[in-house]
């Protein structure tokens, strides 16, 4: 377990600038490992809708491209950013590519994966579009990839974190 608070663990944004979740403000952050060539890629539209719906109340959706699942995010950062903008009109931050599992997993994901999902299971990220809602106090709720971003339980968790 890291001695650095979760919201202060550094990572690189799409330009290589070092950031933390706190850089996105004091509100909740929905951290998602994303990919542009995945069957779940249409979740980008729902993620963008969450950003538009709750952004003015303090939510920030944050995408981390990941190519660990059958090479479904093979592009360069420029290609990824262009895809996100032209295909889904993404307005939320897309950060640098990361590994979410294994020895070389990003420090942020090493910490996030310690959180159990609703079934009590922690550990490895199962697939693209796994979602971690990080509340202002640093507590985390985990939602698996097939759980769509606008599912009632995710919306309720966002609303609770905004309260």
N, C-alpha and C. Protein backbone atom coordinates (compact mmCIF):
# COMPACT_ATOMS: atom_id res chain seq x y z
N UNK A 1 0.85 -1.17 0.00
CA UNK A 1 0.00 0.00 0.00
C UNK A 1 0.89 1.24 0.00
N UNK A 2 0.52 2.21 -0.80
CA UNK A 2 1.30 3.44 -0.93
C UNK A 2 1.11 4.33 0.28
N UNK A 3 2.17 5.06 0.65
CA UNK A 3 2.05 6.02 1.74
C UNK A 3 1.51 7.35 1.21
N UNK A 4 1.48 7.51 -0.11
CA UNK A 4 0.94 8.71 -0.74
C UNK A 4 -0.58 8.59 -0.80
N UNK A 5 -1.32 9.61 -0.36
CA UNK A 5 -2.78 9.55 -0.50
C UNK A 5 -3.18 9.33 -1.97
N UNK A 6 -4.20 8.52 -2.17
CA UNK A 6 -4.65 8.14 -3.52
C UNK A 6 -4.77 9.33 -4.46
N UNK A 7 -5.41 10.39 -4.01
CA UNK A 7 -5.66 11.54 -4.88
C UNK A 7 -4.39 12.33 -5.19
N UNK A 8 -3.26 11.95 -4.56
CA UNK A 8 -2.00 12.66 -4.81
C UNK A 8 -0.94 11.79 -5.49
N UNK A 9 -1.32 10.61 -5.95
CA UNK A 9 -0.39 9.73 -6.67
C UNK A 9 -0.16 10.32 -8.06
N UNK A 10 1.09 10.56 -8.45
CA UNK A 10 1.36 11.18 -9.75
C UNK A 10 1.19 10.24 -10.93
N UNK A 11 0.78 10.83 -12.06
CA UNK A 11 0.69 10.14 -13.34
C UNK A 11 0.90 11.19 -14.43
N UNK A 12 1.10 10.74 -15.66
CA UNK A 12 1.32 11.67 -16.78
C UNK A 12 0.03 11.88 -17.55
N UNK A 13 -0.20 13.15 -17.94
CA UNK A 13 -1.35 13.42 -18.80
C UNK A 13 -0.94 13.16 -20.25
N UNK A 14 -1.82 13.46 -21.19
CA UNK A 14 -1.55 13.16 -22.60
C UNK A 14 -0.33 13.91 -23.13
N UNK A 15 0.01 15.05 -22.53
CA UNK A 15 1.17 15.83 -22.96
C UNK A 15 2.43 15.46 -22.20
N UNK A 16 2.34 14.54 -21.24
CA UNK A 16 3.48 14.15 -20.44
C UNK A 16 3.66 14.96 -19.17
N UNK A 17 2.74 15.89 -18.91
CA UNK A 17 2.79 16.68 -17.68
C UNK A 17 2.38 15.81 -16.51
N UNK A 18 3.11 15.91 -15.40
CA UNK A 18 2.77 15.12 -14.22
C UNK A 18 1.56 15.75 -13.53
N UNK A 19 0.59 14.93 -13.24
CA UNK A 19 -0.66 15.36 -12.61
C UNK A 19 -1.00 14.42 -11.47
N UNK A 20 -2.02 14.82 -10.70
CA UNK A 20 -2.64 13.96 -9.70
C UNK A 20 -4.15 14.12 -9.84
N UNK A 21 -4.91 13.25 -9.21
CA UNK A 21 -6.37 13.40 -9.25
C UNK A 21 -6.80 14.72 -8.61
N UNK A 22 -6.07 15.18 -7.61
CA UNK A 22 -6.39 16.46 -6.98
C UNK A 22 -6.32 17.62 -7.97
N UNK A 23 -5.53 17.48 -9.03
CA UNK A 23 -5.43 18.55 -10.03
C UNK A 23 -6.77 18.80 -10.73
N UNK A 24 -7.67 17.84 -10.66
CA UNK A 24 -8.98 17.99 -11.31
C UNK A 24 -10.01 18.63 -10.38
N UNK A 25 -9.56 19.12 -9.25
CA UNK A 25 -10.45 19.80 -8.32
C UNK A 25 -10.79 18.92 -7.14
N UNK A 26 -11.59 19.49 -6.22
CA UNK A 26 -11.90 18.77 -4.98
C UNK A 26 -13.03 17.75 -5.11
N UNK A 27 -13.71 17.72 -6.24
CA UNK A 27 -14.86 16.83 -6.41
C UNK A 27 -14.46 15.40 -6.72
N UNK A 28 -15.45 14.54 -6.89
CA UNK A 28 -15.19 13.14 -7.23
C UNK A 28 -14.59 13.00 -8.63
N UNK A 29 -13.81 11.95 -8.81
CA UNK A 29 -13.18 11.65 -10.09
C UNK A 29 -13.55 10.22 -10.47
N UNK A 30 -14.06 10.04 -11.69
CA UNK A 30 -14.37 8.70 -12.20
C UNK A 30 -13.21 8.29 -13.10
N UNK A 31 -12.38 7.37 -12.61
CA UNK A 31 -11.19 6.91 -13.32
C UNK A 31 -11.58 5.67 -14.13
N UNK A 32 -11.27 5.71 -15.45
CA UNK A 32 -11.66 4.62 -16.34
C UNK A 32 -10.50 4.27 -17.26
N UNK A 33 -10.16 2.98 -17.36
CA UNK A 33 -9.19 2.56 -18.38
C UNK A 33 -9.95 2.36 -19.68
N UNK A 34 -9.54 3.09 -20.70
CA UNK A 34 -10.30 3.15 -21.95
C UNK A 34 -9.53 2.53 -23.11
N UNK A 35 -10.26 2.19 -24.17
CA UNK A 35 -9.68 1.65 -25.39
C UNK A 35 -10.60 1.96 -26.56
N UNK A 36 -10.02 2.22 -27.72
CA UNK A 36 -10.83 2.64 -28.86
C UNK A 36 -11.21 1.52 -29.82
N UNK A 37 -10.71 0.31 -29.60
CA UNK A 37 -11.03 -0.80 -30.49
C UNK A 37 -11.59 -1.98 -29.69
N UNK A 38 -12.51 -1.67 -28.80
CA UNK A 38 -13.07 -2.65 -27.87
C UNK A 38 -14.58 -2.70 -28.07
N UNK A 39 -15.18 -3.83 -27.79
CA UNK A 39 -16.63 -3.93 -27.86
C UNK A 39 -17.32 -2.99 -26.88
N UNK A 40 -16.61 -2.57 -25.85
CA UNK A 40 -17.19 -1.66 -24.85
C UNK A 40 -16.90 -0.19 -25.16
N UNK A 41 -16.20 0.09 -26.26
CA UNK A 41 -15.84 1.47 -26.62
C UNK A 41 -17.04 2.40 -26.65
N UNK A 42 -18.24 1.96 -27.05
CA UNK A 42 -19.38 2.89 -27.02
C UNK A 42 -19.67 3.47 -25.63
N UNK A 43 -19.08 2.91 -24.57
CA UNK A 43 -19.25 3.49 -23.25
C UNK A 43 -18.68 4.91 -23.18
N UNK A 44 -17.80 5.27 -24.12
CA UNK A 44 -17.30 6.64 -24.18
C UNK A 44 -18.46 7.64 -24.20
N UNK A 45 -19.51 7.32 -24.96
CA UNK A 45 -20.65 8.24 -25.08
C UNK A 45 -21.32 8.44 -23.72
N UNK A 46 -21.48 7.37 -22.96
CA UNK A 46 -22.10 7.49 -21.63
C UNK A 46 -21.18 8.19 -20.65
N UNK A 47 -19.87 7.96 -20.77
CA UNK A 47 -18.93 8.67 -19.91
C UNK A 47 -18.99 10.17 -20.18
N UNK A 48 -19.05 10.53 -21.45
CA UNK A 48 -19.15 11.95 -21.81
C UNK A 48 -20.45 12.55 -21.28
N UNK A 49 -21.53 11.77 -21.34
CA UNK A 49 -22.81 12.25 -20.81
C UNK A 49 -22.72 12.48 -19.30
N UNK A 50 -22.04 11.60 -18.58
CA UNK A 50 -21.85 11.81 -17.14
C UNK A 50 -21.05 13.09 -16.89
N UNK A 51 -20.00 13.31 -17.70
CA UNK A 51 -19.19 14.52 -17.54
C UNK A 51 -20.05 15.76 -17.77
N UNK A 52 -20.88 15.74 -18.79
CA UNK A 52 -21.74 16.90 -19.09
C UNK A 52 -22.83 17.08 -18.03
N UNK A 53 -23.36 15.97 -17.54
CA UNK A 53 -24.45 16.04 -16.56
C UNK A 53 -23.97 16.50 -15.19
N UNK A 54 -22.79 16.02 -14.76
CA UNK A 54 -22.34 16.28 -13.39
C UNK A 54 -21.09 17.16 -13.29
N UNK A 55 -20.49 17.51 -14.41
CA UNK A 55 -19.26 18.28 -14.39
C UNK A 55 -19.38 19.61 -13.68
N UNK A 56 -20.49 20.31 -13.89
CA UNK A 56 -20.66 21.61 -13.25
C UNK A 56 -20.89 21.48 -11.75
N UNK A 57 -21.14 20.25 -11.29
CA UNK A 57 -21.29 20.01 -9.84
C UNK A 57 -20.00 19.47 -9.23
N UNK A 58 -18.96 19.26 -10.07
CA UNK A 58 -17.67 18.87 -9.53
C UNK A 58 -17.11 17.54 -9.97
N UNK A 59 -17.89 16.73 -10.71
CA UNK A 59 -17.37 15.44 -11.19
C UNK A 59 -16.39 15.66 -12.34
N UNK A 60 -15.32 14.89 -12.35
CA UNK A 60 -14.45 14.82 -13.52
C UNK A 60 -14.28 13.36 -13.89
N UNK A 61 -14.60 13.04 -15.14
CA UNK A 61 -14.30 11.72 -15.69
C UNK A 61 -12.87 11.81 -16.21
N UNK A 62 -12.06 10.79 -15.94
CA UNK A 62 -10.66 10.80 -16.35
C UNK A 62 -10.35 9.46 -17.03
N UNK A 63 -9.94 9.53 -18.30
CA UNK A 63 -9.64 8.33 -19.05
C UNK A 63 -8.15 8.02 -19.08
N UNK A 64 -7.83 6.74 -18.96
CA UNK A 64 -6.46 6.25 -19.07
C UNK A 64 -6.42 5.18 -20.15
N UNK A 65 -5.97 5.50 -21.36
CA UNK A 65 -5.87 4.48 -22.39
C UNK A 65 -4.97 3.33 -21.94
N UNK A 66 -5.38 2.13 -22.31
CA UNK A 66 -4.63 0.94 -21.90
C UNK A 66 -4.67 -0.06 -23.06
N UNK A 67 -3.50 -0.61 -23.38
CA UNK A 67 -3.39 -1.55 -24.49
C UNK A 67 -3.13 -2.97 -24.00
N UNK A 68 -3.47 -3.26 -22.74
CA UNK A 68 -3.17 -4.58 -22.17
C UNK A 68 -4.18 -5.67 -22.51
N UNK A 69 -5.31 -5.30 -23.04
CA UNK A 69 -6.36 -6.29 -23.29
C UNK A 69 -6.50 -6.52 -24.79
N UNK A 70 -5.78 -7.52 -25.29
CA UNK A 70 -5.79 -7.90 -26.70
C UNK A 70 -5.46 -6.74 -27.63
N UNK A 71 -4.59 -5.83 -27.20
CA UNK A 71 -4.11 -4.75 -28.06
C UNK A 71 -5.21 -3.85 -28.58
N UNK A 72 -6.20 -3.57 -27.75
CA UNK A 72 -7.36 -2.80 -28.21
C UNK A 72 -7.17 -1.28 -28.13
N UNK A 73 -5.97 -0.84 -27.73
CA UNK A 73 -5.64 0.59 -27.76
C UNK A 73 -4.22 0.75 -28.32
N UNK A 74 -4.04 0.42 -29.62
CA UNK A 74 -2.69 0.39 -30.19
C UNK A 74 -2.15 1.75 -30.63
N UNK A 75 -2.99 2.75 -30.75
CA UNK A 75 -2.58 4.02 -31.35
C UNK A 75 -1.65 4.86 -30.50
N UNK A 76 -1.12 5.89 -31.15
CA UNK A 76 -0.32 6.90 -30.45
C UNK A 76 -1.27 7.79 -29.65
N UNK A 77 -0.74 8.59 -28.77
CA UNK A 77 -1.59 9.50 -28.00
C UNK A 77 -2.33 10.45 -28.93
N UNK A 78 -1.68 10.96 -29.97
CA UNK A 78 -2.37 11.85 -30.92
C UNK A 78 -3.55 11.14 -31.57
N UNK A 79 -3.35 9.89 -31.97
CA UNK A 79 -4.44 9.12 -32.60
C UNK A 79 -5.58 8.89 -31.61
N UNK A 80 -5.23 8.56 -30.38
CA UNK A 80 -6.24 8.30 -29.36
C UNK A 80 -7.07 9.57 -29.11
N UNK A 81 -6.38 10.69 -28.92
CA UNK A 81 -7.08 11.95 -28.64
C UNK A 81 -7.97 12.35 -29.81
N UNK A 82 -7.49 12.18 -31.03
CA UNK A 82 -8.31 12.52 -32.19
C UNK A 82 -9.54 11.62 -32.26
N UNK A 83 -9.37 10.32 -32.03
CA UNK A 83 -10.49 9.39 -32.03
C UNK A 83 -11.54 9.82 -31.00
N UNK A 84 -11.07 10.12 -29.79
CA UNK A 84 -12.00 10.49 -28.71
C UNK A 84 -12.79 11.75 -29.07
N UNK A 85 -12.10 12.72 -29.64
CA UNK A 85 -12.76 13.98 -29.97
C UNK A 85 -13.70 13.83 -31.17
N UNK A 86 -13.21 13.22 -32.25
CA UNK A 86 -14.02 13.17 -33.47
C UNK A 86 -15.14 12.14 -33.40
N UNK A 87 -14.93 11.04 -32.70
CA UNK A 87 -15.95 9.98 -32.64
C UNK A 87 -16.97 10.22 -31.54
N UNK A 88 -16.51 10.71 -30.38
CA UNK A 88 -17.41 10.82 -29.23
C UNK A 88 -17.49 12.23 -28.65
N UNK A 89 -16.77 13.19 -29.20
CA UNK A 89 -16.82 14.55 -28.68
C UNK A 89 -16.36 14.65 -27.24
N UNK A 90 -15.38 13.85 -26.88
CA UNK A 90 -14.94 13.76 -25.49
C UNK A 90 -14.38 15.11 -25.01
N UNK A 91 -14.89 15.58 -23.88
CA UNK A 91 -14.41 16.82 -23.29
C UNK A 91 -13.63 16.56 -22.01
N UNK A 92 -13.71 15.35 -21.48
CA UNK A 92 -13.00 15.05 -20.24
C UNK A 92 -11.55 14.67 -20.55
N UNK A 93 -10.66 14.77 -19.55
CA UNK A 93 -9.24 14.50 -19.78
C UNK A 93 -8.94 13.04 -20.12
N UNK A 94 -8.13 12.88 -21.15
CA UNK A 94 -7.58 11.57 -21.51
C UNK A 94 -6.08 11.68 -21.20
N UNK A 95 -5.60 10.81 -20.35
CA UNK A 95 -4.21 10.87 -19.92
C UNK A 95 -3.34 9.92 -20.73
N UNK A 96 -2.06 9.87 -20.38
CA UNK A 96 -1.12 9.02 -21.09
C UNK A 96 -1.50 7.55 -20.90
N UNK A 97 -1.12 6.72 -21.87
CA UNK A 97 -1.36 5.29 -21.78
C UNK A 97 -0.72 4.72 -20.52
N UNK A 98 -1.41 3.76 -19.93
CA UNK A 98 -0.90 3.10 -18.74
C UNK A 98 -1.08 1.59 -18.85
N UNK A 99 -0.37 0.89 -17.99
CA UNK A 99 -0.65 -0.52 -17.73
C UNK A 99 -1.45 -0.54 -16.44
N UNK A 100 -2.48 -1.35 -16.40
CA UNK A 100 -3.33 -1.41 -15.22
C UNK A 100 -3.09 -2.68 -14.40
N UNK A 101 -2.49 -3.67 -15.01
CA UNK A 101 -2.21 -4.94 -14.34
C UNK A 101 -0.73 -5.28 -14.48
N UNK A 102 -0.27 -6.18 -13.63
CA UNK A 102 1.09 -6.68 -13.74
C UNK A 102 2.12 -5.85 -13.01
N UNK A 103 3.34 -6.28 -13.11
CA UNK A 103 4.47 -5.68 -12.41
C UNK A 103 4.64 -4.20 -12.77
N UNK A 104 4.36 -3.84 -14.02
CA UNK A 104 4.56 -2.47 -14.48
C UNK A 104 3.29 -1.63 -14.46
N UNK A 105 2.31 -2.05 -13.68
CA UNK A 105 1.07 -1.27 -13.58
C UNK A 105 1.38 0.12 -13.02
N UNK A 106 0.62 1.10 -13.49
CA UNK A 106 0.75 2.47 -12.99
C UNK A 106 0.48 2.49 -11.49
N UNK A 107 1.20 3.33 -10.77
CA UNK A 107 1.03 3.41 -9.32
C UNK A 107 -0.41 3.69 -8.93
N UNK A 108 -1.09 4.56 -9.68
CA UNK A 108 -2.48 4.86 -9.38
C UNK A 108 -3.33 3.59 -9.44
N UNK A 109 -3.11 2.77 -10.45
CA UNK A 109 -3.89 1.53 -10.59
C UNK A 109 -3.49 0.49 -9.55
N UNK A 110 -2.23 0.46 -9.15
CA UNK A 110 -1.84 -0.46 -8.08
C UNK A 110 -2.68 -0.19 -6.84
N UNK A 111 -2.91 1.08 -6.58
CA UNK A 111 -3.69 1.47 -5.40
C UNK A 111 -5.19 1.23 -5.63
N UNK A 112 -5.70 1.64 -6.77
CA UNK A 112 -7.13 1.48 -7.06
C UNK A 112 -7.57 0.02 -6.99
N UNK A 113 -6.73 -0.90 -7.47
CA UNK A 113 -7.09 -2.32 -7.54
C UNK A 113 -7.27 -2.97 -6.18
N UNK A 114 -6.86 -2.29 -5.13
CA UNK A 114 -7.07 -2.83 -3.79
C UNK A 114 -8.52 -2.71 -3.36
N UNK A 115 -9.28 -1.91 -4.09
CA UNK A 115 -10.70 -1.72 -3.78
C UNK A 115 -11.52 -2.89 -4.32
N UNK A 116 -12.40 -3.40 -3.50
CA UNK A 116 -13.29 -4.49 -3.93
C UNK A 116 -14.51 -3.91 -4.65
N UNK A 117 -15.06 -4.70 -5.56
CA UNK A 117 -16.29 -4.33 -6.24
C UNK A 117 -17.49 -4.70 -5.36
N UNK A 118 -18.70 -4.55 -5.88
CA UNK A 118 -19.91 -4.82 -5.11
C UNK A 118 -20.00 -6.28 -4.66
N UNK A 119 -19.33 -7.18 -5.39
CA UNK A 119 -19.34 -8.60 -5.03
C UNK A 119 -18.22 -8.94 -4.04
N UNK A 120 -17.44 -7.93 -3.64
CA UNK A 120 -16.37 -8.16 -2.68
C UNK A 120 -15.05 -8.59 -3.29
N UNK A 121 -14.94 -8.49 -4.61
CA UNK A 121 -13.73 -8.94 -5.31
C UNK A 121 -12.82 -7.75 -5.64
N UNK A 122 -11.59 -7.79 -5.14
CA UNK A 122 -10.56 -6.80 -5.46
C UNK A 122 -9.59 -7.44 -6.44
N UNK A 123 -8.49 -6.77 -6.71
CA UNK A 123 -7.45 -7.35 -7.56
C UNK A 123 -7.50 -6.84 -8.99
N UNK A 124 -7.02 -7.67 -9.89
CA UNK A 124 -6.81 -7.28 -11.29
C UNK A 124 -8.00 -6.57 -11.92
N UNK A 125 -7.67 -5.63 -12.80
CA UNK A 125 -8.67 -5.01 -13.66
C UNK A 125 -9.07 -6.08 -14.67
N UNK A 126 -10.37 -6.31 -14.83
CA UNK A 126 -10.84 -7.41 -15.68
C UNK A 126 -10.72 -7.12 -17.17
N UNK A 127 -10.97 -5.85 -17.56
CA UNK A 127 -11.04 -5.53 -18.99
C UNK A 127 -11.04 -4.02 -19.14
N UNK A 128 -11.13 -3.57 -20.37
CA UNK A 128 -11.26 -2.13 -20.64
C UNK A 128 -12.56 -1.61 -20.02
N UNK A 129 -12.56 -0.35 -19.66
CA UNK A 129 -13.73 0.36 -19.13
C UNK A 129 -14.14 -0.10 -17.73
N UNK A 130 -13.16 -0.52 -16.94
CA UNK A 130 -13.42 -0.72 -15.51
C UNK A 130 -13.42 0.68 -14.89
N UNK A 131 -14.34 0.92 -13.97
CA UNK A 131 -14.55 2.26 -13.44
C UNK A 131 -14.29 2.31 -11.94
N UNK A 132 -13.57 3.35 -11.51
CA UNK A 132 -13.28 3.59 -10.11
C UNK A 132 -13.73 5.01 -9.78
N UNK A 133 -14.70 5.14 -8.90
CA UNK A 133 -15.16 6.46 -8.48
C UNK A 133 -14.40 6.83 -7.21
N UNK A 134 -13.55 7.85 -7.33
CA UNK A 134 -12.75 8.31 -6.20
C UNK A 134 -13.43 9.54 -5.62
N UNK A 135 -13.92 9.41 -4.40
CA UNK A 135 -14.64 10.50 -3.72
C UNK A 135 -13.65 11.56 -3.23
N UNK A 136 -14.16 12.73 -2.89
CA UNK A 136 -13.27 13.78 -2.37
C UNK A 136 -12.44 13.35 -1.17
N UNK A 137 -12.96 12.44 -0.35
CA UNK A 137 -12.21 11.99 0.84
C UNK A 137 -11.23 10.86 0.52
N UNK A 138 -11.14 10.47 -0.76
CA UNK A 138 -10.22 9.42 -1.17
C UNK A 138 -10.80 8.02 -1.14
N UNK A 139 -12.04 7.88 -0.65
CA UNK A 139 -12.67 6.56 -0.69
C UNK A 139 -13.01 6.20 -2.14
N UNK A 140 -13.10 4.90 -2.41
CA UNK A 140 -13.26 4.43 -3.79
C UNK A 140 -14.41 3.45 -3.88
N UNK A 141 -15.19 3.58 -4.96
CA UNK A 141 -16.20 2.58 -5.34
C UNK A 141 -15.76 2.02 -6.69
N UNK A 142 -15.83 0.71 -6.84
CA UNK A 142 -15.36 0.03 -8.05
C UNK A 142 -16.53 -0.56 -8.82
N UNK A 143 -16.52 -0.36 -10.13
CA UNK A 143 -17.56 -0.88 -11.01
C UNK A 143 -16.89 -1.59 -12.18
N UNK A 144 -17.32 -2.79 -12.45
CA UNK A 144 -16.70 -3.64 -13.47
C UNK A 144 -17.04 -3.16 -14.89
N UNK A 145 -16.27 -3.64 -15.89
CA UNK A 145 -16.38 -3.12 -17.25
C UNK A 145 -17.78 -3.19 -17.88
N UNK A 146 -18.50 -4.27 -17.64
CA UNK A 146 -19.80 -4.40 -18.30
C UNK A 146 -20.89 -3.55 -17.64
N UNK A 147 -20.59 -2.99 -16.50
CA UNK A 147 -21.54 -2.09 -15.85
C UNK A 147 -21.47 -0.76 -16.60
N UNK A 148 -22.55 -0.41 -17.28
CA UNK A 148 -22.52 0.79 -18.12
C UNK A 148 -22.41 2.04 -17.24
N UNK A 149 -21.73 3.06 -17.74
CA UNK A 149 -21.48 4.26 -16.93
C UNK A 149 -22.74 4.93 -16.39
N UNK A 150 -23.84 4.83 -17.11
CA UNK A 150 -25.06 5.50 -16.63
C UNK A 150 -26.00 4.54 -15.88
N UNK A 151 -25.46 3.40 -15.43
CA UNK A 151 -26.25 2.47 -14.62
C UNK A 151 -26.70 3.17 -13.34
N UNK A 152 -27.89 2.86 -12.84
CA UNK A 152 -28.41 3.53 -11.65
C UNK A 152 -27.46 3.51 -10.45
N UNK A 153 -26.75 2.39 -10.26
CA UNK A 153 -25.86 2.31 -9.09
C UNK A 153 -24.64 3.23 -9.25
N UNK A 154 -24.19 3.44 -10.48
CA UNK A 154 -23.06 4.36 -10.70
C UNK A 154 -23.53 5.80 -10.55
N UNK A 155 -24.68 6.13 -11.12
CA UNK A 155 -25.23 7.48 -10.98
C UNK A 155 -25.49 7.80 -9.50
N UNK A 156 -26.04 6.84 -8.77
CA UNK A 156 -26.30 7.05 -7.33
C UNK A 156 -24.99 7.27 -6.57
N UNK A 157 -23.95 6.51 -6.91
CA UNK A 157 -22.66 6.67 -6.24
C UNK A 157 -22.06 8.05 -6.56
N UNK A 158 -22.21 8.50 -7.78
CA UNK A 158 -21.73 9.84 -8.16
C UNK A 158 -22.49 10.89 -7.37
N UNK A 159 -23.81 10.77 -7.32
CA UNK A 159 -24.62 11.75 -6.59
C UNK A 159 -24.25 11.76 -5.10
N UNK A 160 -24.00 10.59 -4.52
CA UNK A 160 -23.58 10.52 -3.12
C UNK A 160 -22.23 11.23 -2.93
N UNK A 161 -21.31 11.02 -3.86
CA UNK A 161 -19.98 11.62 -3.75
C UNK A 161 -20.02 13.13 -3.96
N UNK A 162 -21.05 13.61 -4.66
CA UNK A 162 -21.21 15.05 -4.88
C UNK A 162 -21.91 15.75 -3.73
N UNK A 163 -22.59 14.96 -2.88
CA UNK A 163 -23.40 15.55 -1.80
C UNK A 163 -22.53 16.20 -0.73
